[in-house]
N, C-alpha and C. Protein backbone atom coordinates (compact mmCIF):
# COMPACT_ATOMS: atom_id res chain seq x y z
N UNK A 1 9.89 -20.24 -9.90
CA UNK A 1 10.06 -18.83 -9.64
C UNK A 1 9.51 -17.98 -10.80
N UNK A 2 9.75 -18.42 -12.01
CA UNK A 2 9.27 -17.67 -13.18
C UNK A 2 7.74 -17.60 -13.21
N UNK A 3 7.02 -18.71 -12.97
CA UNK A 3 5.56 -18.60 -12.95
C UNK A 3 5.04 -17.65 -11.87
N UNK A 4 5.69 -17.63 -10.71
CA UNK A 4 5.26 -16.74 -9.64
C UNK A 4 5.50 -15.28 -10.02
N UNK A 5 6.67 -15.00 -10.60
CA UNK A 5 6.95 -13.63 -11.07
C UNK A 5 5.96 -13.23 -12.16
N UNK A 6 5.68 -14.16 -13.05
CA UNK A 6 4.71 -13.87 -14.11
C UNK A 6 3.33 -13.58 -13.52
N UNK A 7 2.95 -14.31 -12.48
CA UNK A 7 1.66 -14.07 -11.83
C UNK A 7 1.61 -12.67 -11.23
N UNK A 8 2.68 -12.28 -10.53
CA UNK A 8 2.73 -10.94 -9.94
C UNK A 8 2.64 -9.86 -11.02
N UNK A 9 3.37 -10.07 -12.11
CA UNK A 9 3.36 -9.07 -13.19
C UNK A 9 2.01 -9.03 -13.91
N UNK A 10 1.34 -10.17 -14.02
CA UNK A 10 0.01 -10.20 -14.65
C UNK A 10 -0.97 -9.39 -13.80
N UNK A 11 -0.90 -9.53 -12.48
CA UNK A 11 -1.80 -8.76 -11.63
C UNK A 11 -1.48 -7.27 -11.70
N UNK A 12 -0.20 -6.93 -11.81
CA UNK A 12 0.14 -5.52 -11.98
C UNK A 12 -0.41 -5.01 -13.31
N UNK A 13 -0.29 -5.81 -14.36
CA UNK A 13 -0.83 -5.42 -15.66
C UNK A 13 -2.35 -5.26 -15.60
N UNK A 14 -3.02 -6.17 -14.92
CA UNK A 14 -4.47 -6.05 -14.77
C UNK A 14 -4.85 -4.76 -14.04
N UNK A 15 -4.10 -4.46 -13.00
CA UNK A 15 -4.36 -3.23 -12.26
C UNK A 15 -4.15 -2.00 -13.11
N UNK A 16 -3.04 -1.97 -13.84
CA UNK A 16 -2.76 -0.83 -14.74
C UNK A 16 -3.84 -0.70 -15.80
N UNK A 17 -4.27 -1.83 -16.34
CA UNK A 17 -5.30 -1.81 -17.38
C UNK A 17 -6.63 -1.28 -16.85
N UNK A 18 -7.00 -1.73 -15.67
CA UNK A 18 -8.25 -1.26 -15.07
C UNK A 18 -8.20 0.24 -14.77
N UNK A 19 -7.09 0.69 -14.24
CA UNK A 19 -6.95 2.12 -13.93
C UNK A 19 -7.02 2.94 -15.20
N UNK A 20 -6.36 2.47 -16.24
CA UNK A 20 -6.37 3.19 -17.52
C UNK A 20 -7.77 3.19 -18.14
N UNK A 21 -8.45 2.05 -18.07
CA UNK A 21 -9.79 1.96 -18.66
C UNK A 21 -10.82 2.77 -17.89
N UNK A 22 -10.72 2.76 -16.57
CA UNK A 22 -11.71 3.45 -15.74
C UNK A 22 -11.33 4.88 -15.40
N UNK A 23 -10.07 5.24 -15.65
CA UNK A 23 -9.62 6.58 -15.30
C UNK A 23 -9.59 6.81 -13.80
N UNK A 24 -9.38 5.75 -13.04
CA UNK A 24 -9.38 5.85 -11.58
C UNK A 24 -8.13 6.59 -11.09
N UNK A 25 -8.28 7.38 -10.03
CA UNK A 25 -7.13 8.12 -9.50
C UNK A 25 -6.30 7.30 -8.51
N UNK A 26 -6.10 6.03 -8.82
CA UNK A 26 -5.35 5.12 -7.96
C UNK A 26 -4.24 4.51 -8.79
N UNK A 27 -3.05 4.31 -8.21
CA UNK A 27 -1.98 3.67 -8.99
C UNK A 27 -2.36 2.25 -9.40
N UNK A 28 -2.00 1.90 -10.59
CA UNK A 28 -2.31 0.57 -11.12
C UNK A 28 -1.79 -0.57 -10.27
N UNK A 29 -0.54 -0.50 -9.78
CA UNK A 29 -0.04 -1.60 -8.95
C UNK A 29 -0.86 -1.80 -7.67
N UNK A 30 -1.44 -0.74 -7.14
CA UNK A 30 -2.27 -0.86 -5.94
C UNK A 30 -3.54 -1.66 -6.29
N UNK A 31 -4.14 -1.35 -7.41
CA UNK A 31 -5.32 -2.09 -7.85
C UNK A 31 -4.94 -3.55 -8.12
N UNK A 32 -3.78 -3.75 -8.74
CA UNK A 32 -3.31 -5.12 -8.99
C UNK A 32 -3.12 -5.89 -7.70
N UNK A 33 -2.56 -5.24 -6.67
CA UNK A 33 -2.38 -5.91 -5.39
C UNK A 33 -3.73 -6.22 -4.73
N UNK A 34 -4.69 -5.33 -4.89
CA UNK A 34 -6.02 -5.59 -4.34
C UNK A 34 -6.65 -6.80 -5.04
N UNK A 35 -6.47 -6.89 -6.34
CA UNK A 35 -6.99 -8.05 -7.08
C UNK A 35 -6.28 -9.33 -6.64
N UNK A 36 -4.96 -9.24 -6.44
CA UNK A 36 -4.21 -10.41 -5.98
C UNK A 36 -4.69 -10.83 -4.59
N UNK A 37 -4.94 -9.85 -3.71
CA UNK A 37 -5.46 -10.17 -2.38
C UNK A 37 -6.80 -10.89 -2.49
N UNK A 38 -7.65 -10.41 -3.36
CA UNK A 38 -8.95 -11.05 -3.56
C UNK A 38 -8.79 -12.50 -4.01
N UNK A 39 -7.88 -12.72 -4.94
CA UNK A 39 -7.63 -14.09 -5.42
C UNK A 39 -7.07 -14.95 -4.29
N UNK A 40 -6.16 -14.39 -3.49
CA UNK A 40 -5.58 -15.17 -2.39
C UNK A 40 -6.61 -15.51 -1.33
N UNK A 41 -7.58 -14.63 -1.11
CA UNK A 41 -8.64 -14.92 -0.15
C UNK A 41 -9.56 -16.02 -0.69
N UNK A 42 -9.86 -15.94 -1.98
CA UNK A 42 -10.76 -16.92 -2.58
C UNK A 42 -10.09 -18.26 -2.84
N UNK A 43 -8.79 -18.24 -3.16
CA UNK A 43 -8.05 -19.47 -3.47
C UNK A 43 -6.73 -19.47 -2.70
N UNK A 44 -6.73 -19.88 -1.44
CA UNK A 44 -5.51 -19.85 -0.64
C UNK A 44 -4.38 -20.71 -1.19
N UNK A 45 -4.67 -21.67 -2.05
CA UNK A 45 -3.63 -22.52 -2.62
C UNK A 45 -2.66 -21.72 -3.48
N UNK A 46 -3.09 -20.60 -4.02
CA UNK A 46 -2.22 -19.76 -4.84
C UNK A 46 -1.07 -19.23 -3.99
N UNK A 47 -1.33 -18.99 -2.72
CA UNK A 47 -0.31 -18.46 -1.82
C UNK A 47 0.89 -19.38 -1.73
N UNK A 48 0.64 -20.68 -1.67
CA UNK A 48 1.74 -21.63 -1.57
C UNK A 48 2.65 -21.57 -2.79
N UNK A 49 2.09 -21.31 -3.96
CA UNK A 49 2.89 -21.20 -5.18
C UNK A 49 3.70 -19.90 -5.21
N UNK A 50 3.15 -18.84 -4.62
CA UNK A 50 3.82 -17.53 -4.65
C UNK A 50 4.80 -17.32 -3.51
N UNK A 51 4.61 -18.02 -2.40
CA UNK A 51 5.36 -17.75 -1.17
C UNK A 51 6.88 -17.71 -1.33
N UNK A 52 7.54 -18.70 -1.93
CA UNK A 52 9.01 -18.64 -2.00
C UNK A 52 9.52 -17.41 -2.78
N UNK A 53 8.87 -17.09 -3.87
CA UNK A 53 9.29 -15.94 -4.67
C UNK A 53 9.04 -14.64 -3.93
N UNK A 54 7.90 -14.53 -3.31
CA UNK A 54 7.56 -13.31 -2.59
C UNK A 54 8.50 -13.10 -1.41
N UNK A 55 8.84 -14.17 -0.70
CA UNK A 55 9.77 -14.04 0.42
C UNK A 55 11.15 -13.61 -0.06
N UNK A 56 11.59 -14.12 -1.20
CA UNK A 56 12.87 -13.68 -1.76
C UNK A 56 12.83 -12.21 -2.13
N UNK A 57 11.73 -11.76 -2.73
CA UNK A 57 11.60 -10.34 -3.08
C UNK A 57 11.61 -9.47 -1.82
N UNK A 58 10.92 -9.90 -0.79
CA UNK A 58 10.87 -9.12 0.45
C UNK A 58 12.23 -9.05 1.14
N UNK A 59 13.04 -10.09 1.01
CA UNK A 59 14.38 -10.07 1.60
C UNK A 59 15.25 -9.00 0.95
N UNK A 60 14.98 -8.69 -0.30
CA UNK A 60 15.78 -7.71 -1.04
C UNK A 60 15.01 -6.42 -1.30
N UNK A 61 14.01 -6.15 -0.49
CA UNK A 61 13.17 -4.98 -0.66
C UNK A 61 13.96 -3.68 -0.59
N UNK A 62 15.00 -3.66 0.22
CA UNK A 62 15.78 -2.42 0.36
C UNK A 62 16.39 -1.97 -0.97
N UNK A 63 16.62 -2.89 -1.88
CA UNK A 63 17.17 -2.51 -3.19
C UNK A 63 16.19 -1.63 -3.98
N UNK A 64 14.90 -1.76 -3.69
CA UNK A 64 13.91 -0.98 -4.41
C UNK A 64 13.93 0.49 -3.99
N UNK A 65 14.58 0.80 -2.86
CA UNK A 65 14.65 2.17 -2.40
C UNK A 65 15.81 2.94 -3.04
N UNK A 66 16.73 2.24 -3.70
CA UNK A 66 17.87 2.90 -4.33
C UNK A 66 17.42 3.89 -5.41
N UNK A 67 16.51 3.53 -6.33
CA UNK A 67 16.08 4.51 -7.33
C UNK A 67 15.42 5.74 -6.71
N UNK A 68 14.67 5.55 -5.64
CA UNK A 68 14.04 6.70 -4.98
C UNK A 68 15.10 7.61 -4.39
N UNK A 69 16.11 7.04 -3.79
CA UNK A 69 17.19 7.85 -3.20
C UNK A 69 17.94 8.61 -4.28
N UNK A 70 18.16 7.99 -5.42
CA UNK A 70 18.83 8.67 -6.53
C UNK A 70 17.97 9.83 -7.03
N UNK A 71 16.66 9.61 -7.11
CA UNK A 71 15.76 10.68 -7.53
C UNK A 71 15.78 11.85 -6.57
N UNK A 72 15.84 11.56 -5.28
CA UNK A 72 15.92 12.64 -4.28
C UNK A 72 17.21 13.42 -4.47
N UNK A 73 18.30 12.74 -4.69
CA UNK A 73 19.58 13.43 -4.86
C UNK A 73 19.59 14.28 -6.13
N UNK A 74 18.93 13.81 -7.18
CA UNK A 74 18.89 14.57 -8.42
C UNK A 74 18.03 15.83 -8.29
N UNK A 75 17.05 15.81 -7.42
CA UNK A 75 16.14 16.94 -7.26
C UNK A 75 16.33 17.64 -5.92
N UNK A 76 17.53 17.58 -5.38
CA UNK A 76 17.80 18.16 -4.07
C UNK A 76 17.55 19.66 -4.06
N UNK A 77 17.93 20.36 -5.13
CA UNK A 77 17.71 21.80 -5.20
C UNK A 77 16.22 22.12 -5.17
N UNK A 78 15.44 21.38 -5.94
CA UNK A 78 13.99 21.60 -5.96
C UNK A 78 13.38 21.33 -4.59
N UNK A 79 13.84 20.27 -3.92
CA UNK A 79 13.35 19.98 -2.58
C UNK A 79 13.67 21.12 -1.63
N UNK A 80 14.84 21.70 -1.77
CA UNK A 80 15.21 22.84 -0.94
C UNK A 80 14.34 24.06 -1.22
N UNK A 81 14.04 24.28 -2.49
CA UNK A 81 13.21 25.43 -2.88
C UNK A 81 11.78 25.29 -2.35
N UNK A 82 11.29 24.07 -2.26
CA UNK A 82 9.90 23.83 -1.85
C UNK A 82 9.81 23.18 -0.48
N UNK A 83 10.83 23.42 0.35
CA UNK A 83 10.90 22.77 1.66
C UNK A 83 9.71 23.14 2.55
N UNK A 84 9.28 24.38 2.53
CA UNK A 84 8.17 24.79 3.37
C UNK A 84 6.88 24.05 2.98
N UNK A 85 6.59 24.03 1.70
CA UNK A 85 5.37 23.35 1.23
C UNK A 85 5.43 21.85 1.54
N UNK A 86 6.59 21.25 1.34
CA UNK A 86 6.74 19.82 1.63
C UNK A 86 6.58 19.57 3.12
N UNK A 87 7.20 20.41 3.94
CA UNK A 87 7.10 20.27 5.39
C UNK A 87 5.68 20.40 5.88
N UNK A 88 4.96 21.41 5.38
CA UNK A 88 3.56 21.60 5.78
C UNK A 88 2.71 20.40 5.34
N UNK A 89 2.93 19.94 4.12
CA UNK A 89 2.17 18.78 3.63
C UNK A 89 2.44 17.54 4.48
N UNK A 90 3.69 17.34 4.87
CA UNK A 90 4.02 16.18 5.70
C UNK A 90 3.37 16.26 7.08
N UNK A 91 3.44 17.44 7.70
CA UNK A 91 2.86 17.60 9.03
C UNK A 91 1.35 17.45 8.98
N UNK A 92 0.71 18.13 8.04
CA UNK A 92 -0.75 18.07 7.95
C UNK A 92 -1.22 16.65 7.62
N UNK A 93 -0.57 16.01 6.67
CA UNK A 93 -0.99 14.65 6.32
C UNK A 93 -0.76 13.68 7.47
N UNK A 94 0.31 13.87 8.24
CA UNK A 94 0.55 13.02 9.40
C UNK A 94 -0.55 13.21 10.44
N UNK A 95 -0.91 14.46 10.71
CA UNK A 95 -1.97 14.73 11.68
C UNK A 95 -3.32 14.17 11.22
N UNK A 96 -3.62 14.33 9.95
CA UNK A 96 -4.88 13.78 9.41
C UNK A 96 -4.88 12.26 9.51
N UNK A 97 -3.75 11.64 9.21
CA UNK A 97 -3.66 10.18 9.30
C UNK A 97 -3.83 9.72 10.74
N UNK A 98 -3.19 10.41 11.68
CA UNK A 98 -3.32 10.03 13.08
C UNK A 98 -4.76 10.20 13.57
N UNK A 99 -5.39 11.30 13.20
CA UNK A 99 -6.78 11.54 13.61
C UNK A 99 -7.71 10.50 13.00
N UNK A 100 -7.51 10.18 11.74
CA UNK A 100 -8.34 9.18 11.08
C UNK A 100 -8.14 7.81 11.71
N UNK A 101 -6.90 7.47 12.03
CA UNK A 101 -6.63 6.18 12.67
C UNK A 101 -7.29 6.11 14.04
N UNK A 102 -7.19 7.19 14.81
CA UNK A 102 -7.81 7.21 16.13
C UNK A 102 -9.33 7.09 16.02
N UNK A 103 -9.92 7.83 15.10
CA UNK A 103 -11.37 7.77 14.91
C UNK A 103 -11.80 6.36 14.50
N UNK A 104 -11.04 5.75 13.60
CA UNK A 104 -11.36 4.39 13.15
C UNK A 104 -11.25 3.40 14.30
N UNK A 105 -10.20 3.55 15.12
CA UNK A 105 -10.03 2.66 16.26
C UNK A 105 -11.19 2.79 17.24
N UNK A 106 -11.59 4.03 17.54
CA UNK A 106 -12.72 4.24 18.45
C UNK A 106 -14.00 3.63 17.88
N UNK A 107 -14.22 3.83 16.60
CA UNK A 107 -15.40 3.29 15.93
C UNK A 107 -15.40 1.76 16.00
N UNK A 108 -14.23 1.16 15.74
CA UNK A 108 -14.14 -0.30 15.79
C UNK A 108 -14.31 -0.83 17.20
N UNK A 109 -13.76 -0.11 18.18
CA UNK A 109 -13.90 -0.55 19.57
C UNK A 109 -15.37 -0.54 19.99
N UNK A 110 -16.13 0.45 19.52
CA UNK A 110 -17.55 0.50 19.85
C UNK A 110 -18.31 -0.64 19.19
N UNK A 111 -17.91 -0.99 17.99
CA UNK A 111 -18.60 -2.07 17.27
C UNK A 111 -18.27 -3.44 17.82
N UNK A 112 -17.01 -3.63 18.24
CA UNK A 112 -16.56 -4.94 18.66
C UNK A 112 -16.81 -5.18 20.14
N UNK A 113 -16.81 -4.13 20.92
CA UNK A 113 -16.98 -4.28 22.37
C UNK A 113 -18.29 -5.00 22.68
N UNK A 114 -18.24 -5.90 23.64
CA UNK A 114 -19.48 -6.59 23.99
C UNK A 114 -20.48 -5.62 24.58
N UNK A 115 -21.72 -5.87 24.31
CA UNK A 115 -22.79 -5.01 24.82
C UNK A 115 -22.93 -5.26 26.33
N UNK A 116 -22.65 -4.23 27.11
CA UNK A 116 -22.75 -4.37 28.55
C UNK A 116 -23.89 -3.48 29.04
N UNK A 117 -24.50 -3.94 30.12
CA UNK A 117 -25.56 -3.16 30.72
C UNK A 117 -24.97 -2.00 31.51
N UNK A 118 -25.83 -1.15 32.06
CA UNK A 118 -25.35 -0.03 32.86
C UNK A 118 -24.64 -0.53 34.12
N UNK A 119 -23.57 0.13 34.48
CA UNK A 119 -22.80 -0.25 35.67
C UNK A 119 -23.48 0.33 36.91
N UNK A 120 -23.49 -0.47 38.01
CA UNK A 120 -24.14 0.01 39.23
C UNK A 120 -23.33 1.09 39.93
């Protein structure tokens, strides 16, 4: 379990280091996960070593939401003061995400669909 946790933390550190060095506007853990995905694709045997630890972490994933909930409660007044801006941002970002997903799906369907001749 310790080697698997160390592996996950090393990839997070690599991601943070790359983001800091390149000044990328992406969170370091996201870059670390992308690097881990690349390693897992290239060397599937690594997955077998990580699987038990990762499954245990996923079983207790809800515990990771406790700090976020505490932060929301601490800033409840600020959230109330900026409710309109937050609401507009949520609605607009949801609509943009839905439109982008639909466009991507249509694009993929056109690429994957078998080439058919004209229908009689």
